[in-house]
N, C-alpha and C. Protein backbone atom coordinates (compact mmCIF):
# COMPACT_ATOMS: atom_id res chain seq x y z
N MET A 1 16.38 -33.01 -33.77
CA MET A 1 17.08 -32.36 -34.84
C MET A 1 17.93 -31.19 -34.33
N LEU A 2 17.40 -30.46 -33.35
CA LEU A 2 18.19 -29.35 -32.80
C LEU A 2 19.49 -29.86 -32.21
N LEU A 3 19.40 -30.88 -31.41
CA LEU A 3 20.59 -31.41 -30.76
C LEU A 3 21.53 -32.02 -31.79
N ASP A 4 20.98 -32.67 -32.80
CA ASP A 4 21.81 -33.25 -33.86
C ASP A 4 22.55 -32.17 -34.64
N ALA A 5 22.00 -30.95 -34.67
CA ALA A 5 22.64 -29.84 -35.38
C ALA A 5 23.67 -29.13 -34.51
N GLY A 6 23.90 -29.64 -33.31
CA GLY A 6 24.89 -29.04 -32.43
C GLY A 6 24.36 -27.88 -31.61
N LEU A 7 23.03 -27.76 -31.54
CA LEU A 7 22.42 -26.69 -30.74
C LEU A 7 22.11 -27.19 -29.34
N ARG A 8 22.14 -26.27 -28.40
CA ARG A 8 21.81 -26.59 -27.00
C ARG A 8 20.45 -25.98 -26.70
N LEU A 9 19.53 -26.79 -26.26
CA LEU A 9 18.19 -26.32 -25.91
C LEU A 9 18.28 -25.52 -24.61
N GLU A 10 17.79 -24.28 -24.65
CA GLU A 10 17.84 -23.42 -23.46
C GLU A 10 16.48 -23.29 -22.80
N THR A 11 15.43 -23.14 -23.59
CA THR A 11 14.09 -22.94 -23.05
C THR A 11 13.09 -23.74 -23.86
N LEU A 12 12.16 -24.36 -23.18
CA LEU A 12 11.04 -25.04 -23.83
C LEU A 12 9.79 -24.67 -23.06
N ARG A 13 8.82 -24.08 -23.75
CA ARG A 13 7.57 -23.67 -23.12
C ARG A 13 6.41 -24.32 -23.84
N GLU A 14 5.43 -24.78 -23.07
CA GLU A 14 4.21 -25.36 -23.62
C GLU A 14 3.08 -24.37 -23.41
N TYR A 15 2.23 -24.25 -24.42
CA TYR A 15 1.08 -23.36 -24.34
C TYR A 15 -0.20 -24.17 -24.52
N PRO A 16 -1.24 -23.89 -23.72
CA PRO A 16 -2.48 -24.66 -23.81
C PRO A 16 -3.42 -24.15 -24.90
N TYR A 17 -2.90 -23.39 -25.86
CA TYR A 17 -3.69 -22.87 -26.96
C TYR A 17 -2.83 -22.83 -28.22
N ALA A 18 -3.49 -22.69 -29.36
CA ALA A 18 -2.81 -22.54 -30.65
C ALA A 18 -3.19 -21.19 -31.23
N ASN A 19 -2.28 -20.55 -31.89
CA ASN A 19 -2.55 -19.26 -32.52
C ASN A 19 -3.04 -19.44 -33.95
N GLY A 20 -4.17 -18.84 -34.26
CA GLY A 20 -4.59 -18.69 -35.64
C GLY A 20 -5.36 -19.81 -36.31
N PHE A 21 -5.45 -20.99 -35.71
CA PHE A 21 -6.20 -22.06 -36.37
C PHE A 21 -6.69 -23.07 -35.35
N PRO A 22 -7.86 -23.66 -35.61
CA PRO A 22 -8.33 -24.74 -34.75
C PRO A 22 -7.60 -26.02 -35.11
N ALA A 23 -6.75 -26.49 -34.23
CA ALA A 23 -5.87 -27.61 -34.53
C ALA A 23 -6.62 -28.93 -34.73
N PHE A 24 -7.76 -29.08 -34.09
CA PHE A 24 -8.53 -30.30 -34.25
C PHE A 24 -9.99 -30.02 -33.90
N GLU A 25 -10.84 -30.96 -34.23
CA GLU A 25 -12.27 -30.83 -33.94
C GLU A 25 -12.48 -30.70 -32.43
N GLY A 26 -13.37 -29.82 -32.03
CA GLY A 26 -13.66 -29.66 -30.62
C GLY A 26 -12.90 -28.52 -29.96
N THR A 27 -12.17 -27.73 -30.75
CA THR A 27 -11.51 -26.57 -30.16
C THR A 27 -12.48 -25.40 -30.09
N VAL A 28 -12.23 -24.51 -29.15
CA VAL A 28 -13.06 -23.32 -29.00
C VAL A 28 -12.21 -22.09 -29.25
N ALA A 29 -12.84 -21.07 -29.81
CA ALA A 29 -12.14 -19.82 -30.10
C ALA A 29 -11.97 -19.02 -28.81
N LEU A 30 -10.79 -18.45 -28.66
CA LEU A 30 -10.46 -17.57 -27.54
C LEU A 30 -10.15 -16.19 -28.10
N PRO A 31 -10.13 -15.16 -27.25
CA PRO A 31 -9.75 -13.83 -27.73
C PRO A 31 -8.35 -13.85 -28.34
N GLY A 32 -8.12 -12.94 -29.27
CA GLY A 32 -6.80 -12.81 -29.87
C GLY A 32 -6.48 -13.84 -30.94
N GLY A 33 -7.49 -14.50 -31.49
CA GLY A 33 -7.25 -15.48 -32.55
C GLY A 33 -6.66 -16.78 -32.06
N ARG A 34 -6.88 -17.10 -30.80
CA ARG A 34 -6.35 -18.35 -30.24
C ARG A 34 -7.45 -19.40 -30.16
N PHE A 35 -7.02 -20.66 -30.15
CA PHE A 35 -7.95 -21.78 -30.04
C PHE A 35 -7.43 -22.75 -28.99
N ALA A 36 -8.35 -23.31 -28.21
CA ALA A 36 -7.99 -24.25 -27.13
C ALA A 36 -9.00 -25.38 -27.11
N PRO A 37 -8.64 -26.50 -26.46
CA PRO A 37 -9.61 -27.58 -26.33
C PRO A 37 -10.83 -27.10 -25.56
N SER A 38 -11.98 -27.67 -25.87
CA SER A 38 -13.20 -27.31 -25.13
C SER A 38 -13.04 -27.73 -23.66
N PRO A 39 -13.78 -27.09 -22.77
CA PRO A 39 -13.61 -27.36 -21.33
C PRO A 39 -13.83 -28.82 -20.91
N ASP A 40 -14.53 -29.60 -21.71
CA ASP A 40 -14.77 -31.00 -21.36
C ASP A 40 -13.64 -31.94 -21.81
N ARG A 41 -12.60 -31.37 -22.38
CA ARG A 41 -11.46 -32.17 -22.85
C ARG A 41 -10.23 -31.89 -21.99
N PRO A 42 -9.29 -32.80 -21.94
CA PRO A 42 -8.06 -32.57 -21.16
C PRO A 42 -7.27 -31.39 -21.71
N VAL A 43 -6.57 -30.71 -20.83
CA VAL A 43 -5.67 -29.64 -21.25
C VAL A 43 -4.38 -30.28 -21.72
N ILE A 44 -4.04 -30.00 -22.97
CA ILE A 44 -2.81 -30.55 -23.56
C ILE A 44 -2.02 -29.40 -24.18
N PRO A 45 -0.72 -29.57 -24.36
CA PRO A 45 0.03 -28.53 -25.07
C PRO A 45 -0.44 -28.45 -26.53
N MET A 46 -0.78 -27.26 -26.96
CA MET A 46 -1.25 -27.05 -28.33
C MET A 46 -0.19 -26.33 -29.17
N MET A 47 0.81 -25.76 -28.48
CA MET A 47 1.84 -25.01 -29.17
C MET A 47 3.09 -25.03 -28.29
N LEU A 48 4.24 -25.05 -28.91
CA LEU A 48 5.51 -25.04 -28.19
C LEU A 48 6.33 -23.82 -28.62
N GLY A 49 7.09 -23.31 -27.69
CA GLY A 49 8.07 -22.26 -27.98
C GLY A 49 9.41 -22.71 -27.43
N LEU A 50 10.46 -22.42 -28.15
CA LEU A 50 11.77 -22.84 -27.67
C LEU A 50 12.85 -21.85 -28.09
N THR A 51 13.93 -21.88 -27.34
CA THR A 51 15.13 -21.16 -27.74
C THR A 51 16.29 -22.15 -27.69
N ALA A 52 17.20 -21.99 -28.62
CA ALA A 52 18.38 -22.87 -28.67
C ALA A 52 19.58 -22.01 -29.03
N ARG A 53 20.74 -22.48 -28.64
CA ARG A 53 21.97 -21.73 -28.88
C ARG A 53 23.06 -22.69 -29.37
N LYS A 54 23.86 -22.19 -30.28
CA LYS A 54 25.01 -22.96 -30.75
C LYS A 54 26.21 -22.54 -29.91
N ASP A 55 26.83 -23.49 -29.25
CA ASP A 55 28.02 -23.19 -28.47
C ASP A 55 29.16 -22.81 -29.41
N SER A 56 29.91 -21.82 -29.01
CA SER A 56 31.02 -21.38 -29.88
C SER A 56 32.32 -22.07 -29.52
């Protein structure tokens, strides 16, 4: 959708935790209100951050 809107993706970051809620069963609470998969599960991206810019 970003690219379809004429935006250029500049940065994409993956985070191994989610802020504020347990995204699925088996997550463990971390400091700062974060949640991550339990140590016996694979590390997967739980949250994404991105920046995009519209070319002028």
